[in-house]
């Protein structure tokens, strides 16, 4: 689970920005979007082969 510590007197907007950057770097949001709908294993292989 991605976690950040809010610094003393840090605006919430800045803390949210740090959280979003950290999640983007880890690939959490991308994985969430990919798991939203079921994808058959053959489709996963096809997508992976196209990517490389």
N, C-alpha and C. Protein backbone atom coordinates (compact mmCIF):
# COMPACT_ATOMS: atom_id res chain seq x y z
N UNK A 1 0.85 -1.17 0.00
CA UNK A 1 0.00 0.00 0.00
C UNK A 1 0.89 1.24 0.00
N UNK A 2 0.58 2.15 -0.89
CA UNK A 2 1.35 3.38 -1.00
C UNK A 2 0.98 4.31 0.14
N UNK A 3 2.00 4.88 0.75
CA UNK A 3 1.77 5.73 1.90
C UNK A 3 2.77 6.88 1.89
N UNK A 4 2.30 8.06 2.28
CA UNK A 4 3.19 9.20 2.45
C UNK A 4 2.88 9.82 3.80
N UNK A 5 3.86 10.46 4.38
CA UNK A 5 3.69 11.17 5.64
C UNK A 5 3.48 12.65 5.32
N UNK A 6 2.42 13.21 5.85
CA UNK A 6 2.15 14.63 5.63
C UNK A 6 3.09 15.42 6.53
N UNK A 7 3.84 16.31 5.91
CA UNK A 7 4.81 17.10 6.67
C UNK A 7 4.10 18.20 7.44
N UNK A 8 4.79 18.68 8.45
CA UNK A 8 4.22 19.74 9.29
C UNK A 8 4.01 21.00 8.46
N UNK A 9 2.85 21.57 8.55
CA UNK A 9 2.42 22.79 7.85
C UNK A 9 2.50 22.66 6.32
N UNK A 10 2.34 21.42 5.81
CA UNK A 10 2.34 21.20 4.36
C UNK A 10 0.89 21.24 3.87
N UNK A 11 0.63 21.98 2.81
CA UNK A 11 -0.73 22.01 2.27
C UNK A 11 -1.16 20.62 1.77
N UNK A 12 -2.43 20.33 1.90
CA UNK A 12 -2.95 19.03 1.47
C UNK A 12 -2.74 18.82 -0.02
N UNK A 13 -2.87 19.89 -0.80
CA UNK A 13 -2.69 19.77 -2.25
C UNK A 13 -1.29 19.27 -2.60
N UNK A 14 -0.29 19.75 -1.89
CA UNK A 14 1.09 19.32 -2.15
C UNK A 14 1.29 17.86 -1.75
N UNK A 15 0.68 17.47 -0.64
CA UNK A 15 0.79 16.08 -0.20
C UNK A 15 0.11 15.15 -1.21
N UNK A 16 -1.05 15.58 -1.73
CA UNK A 16 -1.74 14.78 -2.74
C UNK A 16 -0.91 14.66 -4.00
N UNK A 17 -0.24 15.73 -4.38
CA UNK A 17 0.62 15.70 -5.56
C UNK A 17 1.75 14.70 -5.37
N UNK A 18 2.36 14.71 -4.17
CA UNK A 18 3.44 13.75 -3.89
C UNK A 18 2.92 12.32 -3.95
N UNK A 19 1.71 12.11 -3.41
CA UNK A 19 1.11 10.77 -3.43
C UNK A 19 0.86 10.31 -4.86
N UNK A 20 0.30 11.19 -5.69
CA UNK A 20 0.03 10.83 -7.08
C UNK A 20 1.30 10.50 -7.84
N UNK A 21 2.36 11.29 -7.61
CA UNK A 21 3.63 11.02 -8.28
C UNK A 21 4.20 9.67 -7.85
N UNK A 22 4.10 9.37 -6.56
CA UNK A 22 4.62 8.11 -6.05
C UNK A 22 3.83 6.93 -6.63
N UNK A 23 2.50 7.07 -6.69
CA UNK A 23 1.67 6.00 -7.25
C UNK A 23 1.93 5.83 -8.74
N UNK A 24 2.17 6.91 -9.45
CA UNK A 24 2.48 6.83 -10.87
C UNK A 24 3.81 6.13 -11.10
N UNK A 25 4.78 6.42 -10.25
CA UNK A 25 6.09 5.79 -10.37
C UNK A 25 6.00 4.29 -10.10
N UNK A 26 5.15 3.90 -9.16
CA UNK A 26 4.99 2.47 -8.83
C UNK A 26 4.09 1.75 -9.84
N UNK A 27 3.30 2.50 -10.60
CA UNK A 27 2.41 1.88 -11.58
C UNK A 27 1.10 1.41 -11.00
N UNK A 28 0.73 1.93 -9.84
CA UNK A 28 -0.49 1.50 -9.16
C UNK A 28 -1.74 1.85 -9.95
N UNK A 29 -1.84 3.07 -10.43
CA UNK A 29 -3.03 3.50 -11.15
C UNK A 29 -3.18 2.78 -12.48
N UNK A 30 -2.06 2.55 -13.15
CA UNK A 30 -2.09 1.84 -14.43
C UNK A 30 -2.60 0.41 -14.23
N UNK A 31 -2.13 -0.24 -13.17
CA UNK A 31 -2.58 -1.60 -12.88
C UNK A 31 -4.06 -1.62 -12.52
N UNK A 32 -4.51 -0.62 -11.78
CA UNK A 32 -5.92 -0.54 -11.41
C UNK A 32 -6.80 -0.42 -12.66
N UNK A 33 -6.41 0.43 -13.60
CA UNK A 33 -7.18 0.58 -14.83
C UNK A 33 -7.20 -0.72 -15.63
N UNK A 34 -6.09 -1.43 -15.65
CA UNK A 34 -6.03 -2.69 -16.39
C UNK A 34 -6.89 -3.77 -15.75
N UNK A 35 -7.06 -3.75 -14.46
CA UNK A 35 -7.82 -4.78 -13.76
C UNK A 35 -9.31 -4.46 -13.64
N UNK A 36 -9.71 -3.33 -14.15
CA UNK A 36 -11.11 -2.92 -14.04
C UNK A 36 -12.05 -3.91 -14.72
N UNK A 37 -11.62 -4.47 -15.85
CA UNK A 37 -12.41 -5.46 -16.59
C UNK A 37 -11.57 -6.71 -16.79
N UNK A 38 -12.24 -7.85 -16.82
CA UNK A 38 -11.53 -9.11 -17.03
C UNK A 38 -10.96 -9.14 -18.44
N UNK A 39 -9.74 -9.64 -18.52
CA UNK A 39 -9.07 -9.77 -19.80
C UNK A 39 -8.59 -11.21 -19.93
N UNK A 40 -8.96 -11.86 -21.02
CA UNK A 40 -8.59 -13.25 -21.22
C UNK A 40 -7.07 -13.36 -21.32
N UNK A 41 -6.50 -14.49 -20.88
CA UNK A 41 -5.05 -14.66 -20.96
C UNK A 41 -4.49 -14.49 -22.36
N UNK A 42 -5.24 -14.92 -23.38
CA UNK A 42 -4.75 -14.75 -24.76
C UNK A 42 -4.68 -13.28 -25.12
N UNK A 43 -5.62 -12.47 -24.62
CA UNK A 43 -5.59 -11.03 -24.89
C UNK A 43 -4.40 -10.37 -24.19
N UNK A 44 -4.09 -10.86 -22.99
CA UNK A 44 -2.94 -10.31 -22.25
C UNK A 44 -1.66 -10.60 -23.03
N UNK A 45 -1.51 -11.84 -23.51
CA UNK A 45 -0.32 -12.21 -24.28
C UNK A 45 -0.21 -11.39 -25.55
N UNK A 46 -1.34 -11.21 -26.22
CA UNK A 46 -1.33 -10.43 -27.47
C UNK A 46 -0.93 -8.99 -27.19
N UNK A 47 -1.46 -8.40 -26.14
CA UNK A 47 -1.13 -7.02 -25.79
C UNK A 47 0.34 -6.89 -25.42
N UNK A 48 0.86 -7.85 -24.66
CA UNK A 48 2.27 -7.82 -24.26
C UNK A 48 3.19 -7.99 -25.47
N UNK A 49 2.81 -8.84 -26.41
CA UNK A 49 3.67 -9.06 -27.58
C UNK A 49 3.68 -7.80 -28.47
N UNK A 50 2.57 -7.09 -28.55
CA UNK A 50 2.51 -5.85 -29.32
C UNK A 50 3.37 -4.78 -28.70
N UNK A 51 3.43 -4.78 -27.39
CA UNK A 51 4.17 -3.73 -26.68
C UNK A 51 5.67 -3.85 -26.89
N UNK A 52 6.18 -5.08 -27.00
CA UNK A 52 7.64 -5.28 -27.16
C UNK A 52 8.02 -5.25 -28.55
